[in-house]
Protein backbone atom coordinates (compact mmCIF):
# COMPACT_ATOMS: atom_id res chain seq x y z
CA MET A 1 0.20 -0.01 -0.08
CA LEU A 2 1.24 3.56 -0.59
CA PHE A 3 0.87 6.61 1.02
CA LEU A 4 -1.99 8.76 -1.38
CA GLY A 5 -3.96 11.94 -1.50
CA THR A 6 -4.00 15.16 0.11
CA ILE A 7 -5.86 15.83 3.49
CA GLU A 8 -5.79 18.61 5.65
CA ASN A 9 -6.59 18.00 9.58
CA LYS A 10 -7.23 20.01 12.71
CA LEU A 11 -5.02 20.32 15.11
CA ASP A 12 -7.10 20.14 18.67
CA GLN A 13 -6.13 22.73 21.41
CA LYS A 14 -3.62 19.96 23.55
CA GLY A 15 -2.10 19.48 20.21
CA ARG A 16 -3.20 16.01 18.65
CA ILE A 17 -4.50 15.56 15.30
CA SER A 18 -6.15 12.64 13.62
CA VAL A 19 -4.06 10.35 10.84
CA PRO A 20 -5.48 10.05 7.59
CA ALA A 21 -7.62 6.97 7.50
CA ASP A 22 -6.50 5.80 4.95
CA PHE A 23 -2.46 6.80 6.12
CA ARG A 24 -3.07 4.14 8.74
CA MET A 25 -4.34 1.72 6.40
CA VAL A 26 -1.15 1.61 4.94
CA VAL A 27 0.96 1.06 8.59
CA LYS A 28 -1.69 -1.07 9.68
CA ASN A 29 0.46 -4.30 9.58
CA SER A 30 3.24 -2.64 10.01
CA THR A 31 5.85 -3.56 13.15
CA PHE A 32 4.78 -0.49 15.04
CA GLN A 33 1.24 1.08 15.30
CA GLY A 34 1.71 4.62 14.20
CA VAL A 35 4.20 6.90 12.57
CA ILE A 36 7.70 7.93 12.63
CA LEU A 37 8.43 11.41 11.86
CA PHE A 38 11.26 13.55 11.35
CA HIS A 39 12.17 17.32 10.03
CA SER A 40 12.56 17.11 5.97
CA PHE A 41 16.04 18.48 5.09
CA THR A 42 14.57 19.35 1.20
CA ASN A 43 11.69 21.27 2.65
CA LYS A 44 9.92 23.41 5.37
CA CYS A 45 8.18 20.34 6.10
CA ILE A 46 7.43 17.43 8.42
CA GLU A 47 8.57 14.28 7.28
CA GLY A 48 6.61 10.68 8.11
CA CYS A 49 7.15 6.93 7.18
CA SER A 50 6.29 3.86 8.59
CA MET A 51 8.72 1.70 10.78
CA GLU A 52 9.88 -0.19 8.05
CA ARG A 53 10.67 2.63 5.84
CA MET A 54 13.20 3.73 8.66
CA GLU A 55 14.41 -0.28 8.69
CA MET A 56 14.91 0.40 5.27
CA LEU A 57 16.90 3.69 5.17
CA SER A 58 19.02 2.68 8.08
CA ASP A 59 19.83 -0.41 5.89
CA ALA A 60 21.09 1.23 3.42
CA THR A 61 23.27 3.98 5.29
CA ASP A 62 25.10 0.87 6.68
CA ASN A 63 26.35 0.87 3.33
CA LEU A 64 28.33 3.55 3.55
CA ASP A 65 31.75 3.67 4.94
CA LEU A 66 30.99 3.31 8.88
CA PHE A 67 33.31 6.62 9.58
CA SER A 68 32.39 8.74 6.87
CA GLU A 69 31.03 11.78 6.93
CA GLU A 70 28.87 11.36 4.55
CA ASN A 71 27.13 8.21 6.95
CA ASP A 72 27.91 10.55 9.90
CA ASN A 73 25.41 13.24 8.76
CA LEU A 74 22.70 10.97 6.62
CA ASN A 75 21.81 9.49 9.90
CA SER A 76 21.97 12.63 12.50
CA LEU A 77 19.95 14.08 10.03
CA ILE A 78 17.57 11.18 9.31
CA PHE A 79 17.70 9.43 12.84
CA SER A 80 18.62 11.46 15.40
CA ASP A 81 15.30 13.70 15.97
CA ALA A 82 13.19 11.24 14.39
CA ARG A 83 10.05 10.57 16.67
CA GLN A 84 7.92 6.92 16.77
CA LEU A 85 4.64 8.15 17.37
CA SER A 86 1.59 5.65 18.35
CA PHE A 87 -2.35 6.01 17.29
CA ASP A 88 -4.18 6.50 20.18
CA VAL A 89 -7.68 4.63 19.59
CA THR A 90 -8.63 7.43 17.32
CA GLY A 91 -6.30 7.20 14.77
CA ARG A 92 -4.90 10.20 16.27
CA ILE A 93 -1.06 11.04 17.08
CA VAL A 94 0.62 14.42 19.06
CA ILE A 95 2.91 16.06 16.72
CA PRO A 96 6.19 17.53 18.32
CA SER A 97 6.16 20.99 19.06
CA ASP A 98 9.17 21.27 17.58
CA LEU A 99 8.57 19.28 14.57
CA LEU A 100 4.78 21.88 14.36
CA GLU A 101 7.27 25.21 14.88
CA PHE A 102 9.77 23.34 12.38
CA ALA A 103 7.08 23.34 9.41
CA GLY A 104 4.83 26.48 10.45
CA ILE A 105 2.03 24.57 10.93
CA LYS A 106 -0.31 26.42 13.71
CA ASN A 107 -4.33 25.70 13.54
CA SER A 108 -4.33 23.02 10.60
CA ALA A 109 -2.28 20.14 8.77
CA LEU A 110 -1.63 18.86 5.17
CA PHE A 111 -0.81 15.21 5.03
CA VAL A 112 0.69 14.86 1.48
CA GLY A 113 1.24 11.22 0.33
CA LYS A 114 4.34 10.82 -1.68
CA GLY A 115 4.00 6.67 -2.07
CA LYS A 116 6.27 4.78 0.54
CA THR A 117 6.58 8.05 2.42
CA PHE A 118 4.52 11.21 3.29
CA GLN A 119 4.64 15.05 4.50
CA ILE A 120 3.12 17.18 6.90
CA TRP A 121 2.69 20.79 5.52
CA ASN A 122 1.72 24.47 6.17
CA PRO A 123 -1.34 24.29 3.63
CA ASP A 124 -0.31 27.91 2.97
CA GLU A 125 3.27 26.45 2.40
CA PHE A 126 2.72 23.58 0.58
CA ASN A 127 -0.09 25.23 -1.33
CA LYS A 128 3.31 27.73 -3.55
CA PHE A 129 5.14 24.90 -3.02
CA GLN A 130 2.71 22.91 -5.17
CA ASN A 131 2.00 25.90 -7.70
CA ASN A 132 6.38 25.69 -7.80
CA VAL A 133 6.31 22.12 -8.39
CA ARG A 134 3.22 21.76 -11.22
CA LYS A 135 5.25 25.21 -13.00
CA LYS A 136 8.54 22.98 -13.43
CA ALA A 137 6.74 20.03 -14.22
CA PHE A 138 5.20 21.66 -17.02
CA ASP A 139 7.91 23.86 -18.87
CA ALA A 140 10.05 20.72 -18.54
CA ARG A 141 7.49 18.00 -19.58
CA PRO A 142 9.99 15.08 -17.23
CA SER A 143 8.69 11.16 -18.44
CA LEU A 144 9.20 8.08 -16.48
CA SER A 145 10.05 5.37 -17.57
CA PHE A 146 9.18 2.24 -15.75
CA LYS A 147 11.26 -0.84 -14.66
CA LYS A 148 9.80 -4.44 -16.76
CA GLU A 149 9.47 -7.25 -14.83
């Protein structure tokens, strides 16, 4: 299953937010019943994924030289501030305040599906980002090639 779509949800007064049901279904059979969130290092948003995806990232960094600067930097960026957030009985999580502040999220947030991962954005910031991406894609006319099985 993949994280698909863009869904806006409100933060309550205690900082809880409902993770979209479709997103919860992606991690339903996961070893961890929740999501992993961390600062994006490519955009002003929060990155999210399943525990299995984090394990894949960890495995990928194992292929780097153990004492290399690249390994150290990637591990610091990805794992040091990653948060393991369990769903409550209604499918909500509490996003830590430093992540909300980083992404500029105050009252509501957009959950943006990215296939095997997702992002959480300030709605206004995502609209600006998305408009820019659409313009670039329209101008560049990118193409995809599919793997042959």
